[in-house]
Every structure is written in C-alpha cells, then in structure tokens.
Amino acid sequence: MKEKLIKIIIPYIIISTGFLLIYSLLYWLIFIQLKLIDINESIVFFFVPLGISTILVWFYFRKKLRLIETTVKFRDFTLIITCFLLTGPIWTFQFYLDTRTEELTNLKSVDEISTNKLTKYYSIDSSFQHKDRSGLFVLKTPVNKGKEIGVFCNFTCPISNTSEDLNNNNIWISVVFNEAFSDRVFDNEEKQTQLISNFIDSSIVLYEKHIHKTTYLKRISNSDEASHYLKAIQQTNLPYDNEKLIILKEEKGSFESRAGTSLWWTKFSIITSNLYWILLTIFTKLINAKKKNTL
C-alpha cells in the first residue's frame, strides 16, 4: 500500500489540487481582477481547462494507470473519467469566483453606466425600455445529445432614461425564451416545424407582455450568448457603436444568493476526484517490474 500511495495516490492528489488552485488563481487575476484579455467566455471557462486536463491525463496519468493491473477497456474508461474529474472542480469554482468577486453597482439612471467603471452586475432605479424597437434572433441547435432541437428566441431592445431619450443606442436589455423539441429520426417533420413556429409566436406574445426588472442585471461579456443578442440588435437596423455596446440581461433570484451551491459542488467534485483514484488503487494490484516491461 505504501508503494501505491507514493507512486499513484499522492501524485494525483497534488496535481488535481494544484491544477485547481493555479488555474483558478490565474483566471481570477487575468480575467476578473485585471481584465487583461477579453475572449469568448466558453473558451477560457470550458475548453481550456478541459484541454489541459486531457494533456495531463494522456501524458502523465496514462503512465500511472500502466502501473496497476487493469484491462485496456477499463483503463480507457478511467482516462476519460479522469479528464472530467480534473476539470469539474475548475468549472464550478470559476462560476463561484465570477459570482462572488463581482460587485453590484447601483445606478439612478441608465446613462450612469457610461460614466462609471464597468462592472458585471447592475441595479438601475429608473429606466425606459423601448420595446417598439426590439430585435429578435431565433437560434435552433441540437441539444440532449442530438435527441432534441433547442429553440432559443433572443429578444433585445434599447434602454434609456426616458421614452423621449434615445440618442444613445449602445445600451440594450435582453431576455431569452427557450424550449426543446423532439428531433428523432421517425418524428413527423411537418408537425415539428409547426410546433416550433407556434413556440416562436407564443414567445413574441410573452415578450410583448414582459417588463424587465432592473434590480438585478448582468452585463453580458464576450460569449456565444452575447453574439446571439448582437444578431438580434442587428435586426433592428438601429445604429450603435460596437466598442461601446453594453448588453444587459435580467438575472433570476437575488444578488445575495448568486453563488448558490457552486462552492459546495467544488468541494464535492475535488473530493470525488481524489476518492476515485484512491479506491481505484486500493482495489487493484501493482504490476511487478518484469510484467510491466512486457506491456
């Protein structure tokens, strides 16, 4: 057991914990504190951690798995699981950092956004939403492993201080309505098209009745979500300055409860990650040196 501890368990604990701490520190410093780079959120939030995890698994932990007696199928399965075990804590902790380190900026009017330092969350006391100048972008994309098609109706409209004040088209407030529809091979395509059309029509009705609450708003940063709202803005043909463009979205719940259980999930996932490798090692045997050389 001592040999297993030294060769497999301790290295995994050190690397998994170190990966979480180092990546989270760099993420907080570069993207939250200093805001040095503005790139698509999904890249730095999802793909970069997963890519690093894949490199660690393939070039380091794959060799560690060869030290224990397992089948090839089980080894391949463990490698895939390990990628997500390493990445999971980072995903949840990034969300925690995003929500806990940002402040809620309270504004009396919309125009104060341009005169204050940009933050992620806002509360606006007084505003007017120009719903008559709204734009709509409909996104259809496969969801649920391709078994369903997700339809997202992205609405956005300019927001200003008063109904007469629309000299600045750079501040917009947005909302999305979405629903998933079955997309199996044997589905009736005509019926599916009609259901989607009905949903889009009903979303337009919902949007016309919708009144944005401005007590808890999130400024959408560079992301796929932002690009969808931008396409909706472009549908209005209203002029805007892309460099000064600010897209706001009403958040659910309250600012105080924004982190939810993300920190708990971080703790749970890092413990699960390490426990998996501990159990894997305990219930398997180390390969002796002679047998290892034949693999």
Protein backbone atom coordinates (compact mmCIF):
# COMPACT_ATOMS: atom_id res chain seq x y z
CA MET A 1 0.00 0.00 0.00
CA LYS A 2 2.89 2.34 0.71
CA GLU A 3 4.15 1.92 -2.84
CA LYS A 4 0.68 2.69 -4.23
CA LEU A 5 0.50 5.77 -2.04
CA ILE A 6 3.82 7.13 -3.28
CA LYS A 7 3.50 6.21 -6.96
CA ILE A 8 -0.18 6.85 -7.65
CA ILE A 9 -2.33 8.38 -4.89
CA ILE A 10 -0.17 11.28 -3.68
CA PRO A 11 0.82 12.43 -7.22
CA TYR A 12 -2.84 12.52 -8.23
CA ILE A 13 -3.88 14.49 -5.12
CA ILE A 14 -1.07 17.01 -5.64
CA ILE A 15 -1.76 17.51 -9.35
CA SER A 16 -5.57 17.66 -9.09
CA THR A 17 -5.46 20.13 -6.20
CA GLY A 18 -2.62 22.15 -7.71
CA PHE A 19 -4.37 22.34 -11.08
CA LEU A 20 -7.50 23.71 -9.40
CA LEU A 21 -5.61 26.30 -7.34
CA ILE A 22 -3.21 27.50 -10.06
CA TYR A 23 -5.80 27.75 -12.84
CA SER A 24 -8.32 29.47 -10.56
CA LEU A 25 -5.70 31.97 -9.40
CA LEU A 26 -4.70 32.81 -12.98
CA TYR A 27 -8.36 33.04 -14.03
CA TRP A 28 -9.15 35.41 -11.16
CA LEU A 29 -6.05 37.55 -11.79
CA ILE A 30 -6.23 37.79 -15.60
CA PHE A 31 -9.96 37.79 -16.32
CA ILE A 32 -11.57 39.16 -13.14
CA GLN A 33 -9.13 41.38 -11.29
CA LEU A 34 -7.02 42.89 -14.09
CA LYS A 35 -9.34 42.13 -17.05
CA LEU A 36 -6.31 41.80 -19.32
CA ILE A 37 -7.98 39.67 -22.00
CA ASP A 38 -11.49 39.77 -23.43
CA ILE A 39 -12.16 36.49 -25.22
CA ASN A 40 -15.16 34.22 -25.56
CA GLU A 41 -16.16 33.01 -22.08
CA SER A 42 -16.78 29.43 -23.21
CA ILE A 43 -13.15 29.12 -24.34
CA VAL A 44 -11.49 30.09 -21.07
CA PHE A 45 -14.29 28.69 -18.90
CA PHE A 46 -14.83 25.32 -20.58
CA PHE A 47 -12.41 24.36 -23.35
CA VAL A 48 -9.06 25.50 -21.88
CA PRO A 49 -9.43 23.57 -18.57
CA LEU A 50 -10.67 20.51 -20.45
CA GLY A 51 -7.75 20.76 -22.87
CA ILE A 52 -5.20 20.98 -20.05
CA SER A 53 -6.87 18.06 -18.29
CA THR A 54 -6.64 15.98 -21.47
CA ILE A 55 -2.92 16.73 -21.77
CA LEU A 56 -2.29 15.79 -18.12
CA VAL A 57 -4.27 12.58 -18.49
CA TRP A 58 -2.66 11.50 -21.74
CA PHE A 59 0.97 12.31 -20.95
CA TYR A 60 1.05 11.63 -17.19
CA PHE A 61 -1.86 9.68 -15.72
CA ARG A 62 -1.94 7.23 -18.63
CA LYS A 63 1.52 6.10 -17.48
CA LYS A 64 0.30 5.83 -13.88
CA LEU A 65 -2.53 3.54 -14.94
CA ARG A 66 0.01 1.19 -16.51
CA LEU A 67 1.38 0.56 -13.03
CA ILE A 68 -1.76 -1.29 -11.96
CA GLU A 69 -3.43 -4.41 -13.28
CA THR A 70 -6.45 -3.37 -15.35
CA THR A 71 -7.99 -4.26 -18.67
CA VAL A 72 -7.48 -1.99 -21.66
CA LYS A 73 -11.18 -1.08 -21.74
CA PHE A 74 -11.21 -0.18 -18.06
CA ARG A 75 -8.03 1.86 -18.49
CA ASP A 76 -9.51 3.82 -21.41
CA PHE A 77 -12.71 4.40 -19.46
CA THR A 78 -10.72 5.66 -16.46
CA LEU A 79 -8.77 8.07 -18.65
CA ILE A 80 -12.00 9.62 -19.95
CA ILE A 81 -13.49 9.85 -16.46
CA THR A 82 -10.29 11.40 -15.11
CA CYS A 83 -10.46 14.22 -17.69
CA PHE A 84 -13.81 15.30 -16.28
CA LEU A 85 -12.79 14.63 -12.67
CA LEU A 86 -9.90 17.06 -13.08
CA THR A 87 -11.98 19.66 -14.92
CA GLY A 88 -15.20 19.54 -12.87
CA PRO A 89 -13.86 21.40 -9.79
CA ILE A 90 -12.44 24.14 -12.02
CA TRP A 91 -15.74 24.68 -13.82
CA THR A 92 -17.70 25.05 -10.57
CA PHE A 93 -15.06 27.19 -8.85
CA GLN A 94 -14.79 29.58 -11.82
CA PHE A 95 -18.53 30.13 -11.54
CA TYR A 96 -18.09 30.76 -7.82
CA LEU A 97 -15.32 33.29 -8.47
CA ASP A 98 -17.37 35.06 -11.15
CA THR A 99 -20.37 35.46 -8.89
CA ARG A 100 -18.69 36.15 -5.54
CA THR A 101 -15.92 38.56 -6.53
CA GLU A 102 -18.04 40.96 -8.59
CA GLU A 103 -19.98 43.87 -7.10
CA LEU A 104 -23.50 45.12 -7.74
CA THR A 105 -23.37 48.72 -9.00
CA ASN A 106 -26.45 50.70 -8.13
CA LEU A 107 -27.39 53.39 -10.66
CA LYS A 108 -30.10 56.01 -10.52
CA SER A 109 -30.44 56.13 -14.31
CA VAL A 110 -29.25 54.21 -17.37
CA ASP A 111 -26.84 56.88 -18.59
CA GLU A 112 -24.72 56.45 -15.45
CA ILE A 113 -23.43 53.18 -16.88
CA SER A 114 -21.31 55.13 -19.36
CA THR A 115 -19.91 57.46 -16.71
CA ASN A 116 -18.94 54.76 -14.21
CA LYS A 117 -16.41 51.96 -14.27
CA LEU A 118 -17.86 48.88 -15.98
CA THR A 119 -18.90 46.10 -13.63
CA LYS A 120 -20.63 42.77 -14.16
CA TYR A 121 -23.83 43.41 -12.20
CA TYR A 122 -26.11 46.43 -12.07
CA SER A 123 -29.22 47.71 -10.39
CA ILE A 124 -30.97 50.60 -12.13
CA ASP A 125 -33.57 52.68 -10.28
CA SER A 126 -35.17 54.42 -13.27
CA SER A 127 -35.28 53.40 -16.95
CA PHE A 128 -37.43 53.12 -20.05
CA GLN A 129 -37.41 50.05 -22.31
CA HIS A 130 -38.08 50.80 -25.97
CA LYS A 131 -39.99 47.61 -26.75
CA ASP A 132 -41.24 49.08 -30.04
CA ARG A 133 -37.66 48.93 -31.34
CA SER A 134 -36.93 45.37 -30.29
CA GLY A 135 -34.93 42.84 -32.26
CA LEU A 136 -35.37 39.06 -32.37
CA PHE A 137 -32.86 36.37 -33.23
CA VAL A 138 -34.03 32.74 -33.26
CA LEU A 139 -31.38 30.09 -32.68
CA LYS A 140 -32.05 26.42 -33.42
CA THR A 141 -29.42 23.97 -32.20
CA PRO A 142 -29.22 20.27 -31.27
CA VAL A 143 -29.45 19.56 -27.53
CA ASN A 144 -29.60 16.50 -25.30
CA LYS A 145 -27.05 14.56 -27.41
CA GLY A 146 -28.90 15.38 -30.62
CA LYS A 147 -32.16 13.80 -29.49
CA GLU A 148 -33.84 17.19 -29.30
CA ILE A 149 -33.60 20.54 -31.03
CA GLY A 150 -33.40 23.57 -28.79
CA VAL A 151 -35.12 26.74 -29.96
CA PHE A 152 -33.92 29.99 -28.37
CA CYS A 153 -35.81 33.23 -29.00
CA ASN A 154 -33.38 36.03 -28.13
CA PHE A 155 -35.11 39.41 -27.69
CA THR A 156 -33.40 42.72 -27.05
CA CYS A 157 -34.34 46.40 -27.05
CA PRO A 158 -32.67 49.74 -26.30
CA ILE A 159 -32.97 51.02 -22.75
CA SER A 160 -32.64 54.68 -21.76
CA ASN A 161 -33.65 57.17 -19.07
CA THR A 162 -36.99 58.23 -20.58
CA SER A 163 -39.27 57.43 -23.50
CA GLU A 164 -38.05 60.51 -25.41
CA ASP A 165 -34.39 59.88 -24.71
CA LEU A 166 -32.99 57.56 -27.37
CA ASN A 167 -29.92 59.38 -28.58
CA ASN A 168 -27.71 56.54 -27.42
CA ASN A 169 -28.34 53.10 -28.93
CA ASN A 170 -25.40 51.49 -27.15
CA ILE A 171 -27.22 50.14 -24.08
CA TRP A 172 -29.64 47.24 -24.55
CA ILE A 173 -31.63 44.98 -22.28
CA SER A 174 -32.35 41.39 -23.29
CA VAL A 175 -34.25 38.24 -22.49
CA VAL A 176 -34.42 34.74 -23.96
CA PHE A 177 -37.27 32.22 -24.15
CA ASN A 178 -36.33 28.65 -24.98
CA GLU A 179 -37.84 25.21 -25.37
CA ALA A 180 -36.66 21.80 -26.60
CA PHE A 181 -38.46 19.74 -29.23
CA SER A 182 -38.02 16.07 -30.09
CA ASP A 183 -35.72 15.53 -33.07
CA ARG A 184 -35.77 11.77 -33.57
CA VAL A 185 -35.49 10.13 -36.98
CA PHE A 186 -39.10 8.95 -37.02
CA ASP A 187 -40.61 12.27 -35.89
CA ASN A 188 -43.10 14.00 -38.14
CA GLU A 189 -41.06 16.88 -39.57
CA GLU A 190 -44.13 18.85 -40.59
CA LYS A 191 -45.57 18.60 -37.09
CA GLN A 192 -42.23 19.55 -35.57
CA THR A 193 -41.97 22.63 -37.80
CA GLN A 194 -45.47 23.68 -36.77
CA LEU A 195 -44.70 23.22 -33.06
CA ILE A 196 -41.56 25.33 -33.36
CA SER A 197 -43.44 28.02 -35.28
CA ASN A 198 -46.13 28.08 -32.58
CA PHE A 199 -43.49 28.40 -29.88
CA ILE A 200 -41.83 31.35 -31.64
CA ASP A 201 -45.21 33.07 -32.00
CA SER A 202 -46.02 32.48 -28.33
CA SER A 203 -42.58 33.81 -27.34
CA ILE A 204 -43.30 37.05 -29.19
CA VAL A 205 -46.55 37.40 -27.25
CA LEU A 206 -44.73 36.69 -23.97
CA TYR A 207 -42.07 39.25 -24.79
CA GLU A 208 -44.63 41.93 -25.58
CA LYS A 209 -46.08 41.43 -22.09
CA HIS A 210 -42.69 41.09 -20.42
CA ILE A 211 -41.43 44.00 -18.31
CA HIS A 212 -37.78 43.80 -17.36
CA LYS A 213 -36.98 44.14 -13.68
CA THR A 214 -33.83 46.22 -13.36
CA THR A 215 -32.98 45.48 -9.73
CA TYR A 216 -30.51 42.72 -10.65
CA LEU A 217 -28.96 42.88 -14.13
CA LYS A 218 -25.91 41.17 -15.59
CA ARG A 219 -23.70 42.74 -18.24
CA ILE A 220 -23.13 40.09 -20.91
CA SER A 221 -19.43 39.78 -21.73
CA ASN A 222 -17.80 38.29 -24.81
CA SER A 223 -19.58 34.96 -25.28
CA ASP A 224 -21.85 32.97 -27.58
CA GLU A 225 -24.79 34.45 -25.68
CA ALA A 226 -23.58 37.96 -26.47
CA SER A 227 -23.26 37.11 -30.17
CA HIS A 228 -26.89 35.92 -30.23
CA TYR A 229 -28.14 39.16 -28.73
CA LEU A 230 -25.92 41.11 -31.12
CA LYS A 231 -27.64 39.42 -34.05
CA ALA A 232 -30.97 40.45 -32.54
CA ILE A 233 -29.73 44.05 -32.28
CA GLN A 234 -28.68 43.98 -35.92
CA GLN A 235 -32.24 43.04 -36.89
CA THR A 236 -33.44 46.45 -35.66
CA ASN A 237 -31.18 48.36 -38.12
CA LEU A 238 -30.54 50.91 -35.36
CA PRO A 239 -27.02 52.42 -35.37
CA TYR A 240 -24.70 51.53 -32.48
CA ASP A 241 -21.04 51.72 -31.53
CA ASN A 242 -19.71 48.17 -31.23
CA GLU A 243 -16.87 49.26 -28.93
CA LYS A 244 -19.28 50.98 -26.53
CA LEU A 245 -22.06 48.42 -26.80
CA ILE A 246 -23.45 47.18 -23.47
CA ILE A 247 -25.92 44.31 -23.32
CA LEU A 248 -27.77 43.74 -20.06
CA LYS A 249 -29.79 40.72 -19.02
CA GLU A 250 -32.17 40.28 -16.13
CA GLU A 251 -30.86 37.69 -13.66
CA LYS A 252 -33.05 35.31 -11.68
CA GLY A 253 -33.09 35.26 -7.90
CA SER A 254 -31.21 37.86 -5.88
CA PHE A 255 -27.68 39.22 -5.99
CA GLU A 256 -27.02 37.93 -2.47
CA SER A 257 -27.77 34.32 -3.43
CA ARG A 258 -25.97 34.40 -6.81
CA ALA A 259 -23.25 31.85 -5.98
CA GLY A 260 -25.79 29.24 -5.00
CA THR A 261 -24.19 25.87 -4.22
CA SER A 262 -21.21 26.26 -6.56
CA LEU A 263 -18.65 26.24 -3.74
CA TRP A 264 -20.23 23.12 -2.28
CA TRP A 265 -20.06 21.43 -5.68
CA THR A 266 -16.39 22.40 -5.97
CA LYS A 267 -15.60 20.70 -2.68
CA PHE A 268 -17.68 17.68 -3.59
CA SER A 269 -16.10 17.26 -7.02
CA ILE A 270 -12.48 17.58 -5.81
CA ILE A 271 -13.14 15.05 -3.03
CA THR A 272 -14.86 12.71 -5.51
CA SER A 273 -11.95 13.08 -7.93
CA ASN A 274 -9.34 12.10 -5.35
CA LEU A 275 -11.52 9.39 -3.80
CA TYR A 276 -11.98 7.74 -7.20
CA TRP A 277 -8.24 7.32 -7.65
CA ILE A 278 -7.76 6.15 -4.06
CA LEU A 279 -10.40 3.43 -4.47
CA LEU A 280 -9.03 2.55 -7.90
CA THR A 281 -5.63 1.96 -6.37
CA ILE A 282 -6.83 0.12 -3.28
CA PHE A 283 -8.82 -2.47 -5.19
CA THR A 284 -6.19 -3.18 -7.85
CA LYS A 285 -2.71 -4.67 -7.76
CA LEU A 286 0.53 -3.08 -8.85
CA ILE A 287 2.23 -4.69 -11.81
CA ASN A 288 5.67 -6.03 -10.97
CA ALA A 289 8.64 -4.70 -12.93
CA LYS A 290 9.07 -7.77 -15.14
CA LYS A 291 5.44 -7.87 -16.15
CA LYS A 292 5.39 -4.13 -16.73
CA ASN A 293 8.20 -4.37 -19.26
CA THR A 294 6.11 -6.71 -21.37
CA LEU A 295 3.17 -4.23 -21.70
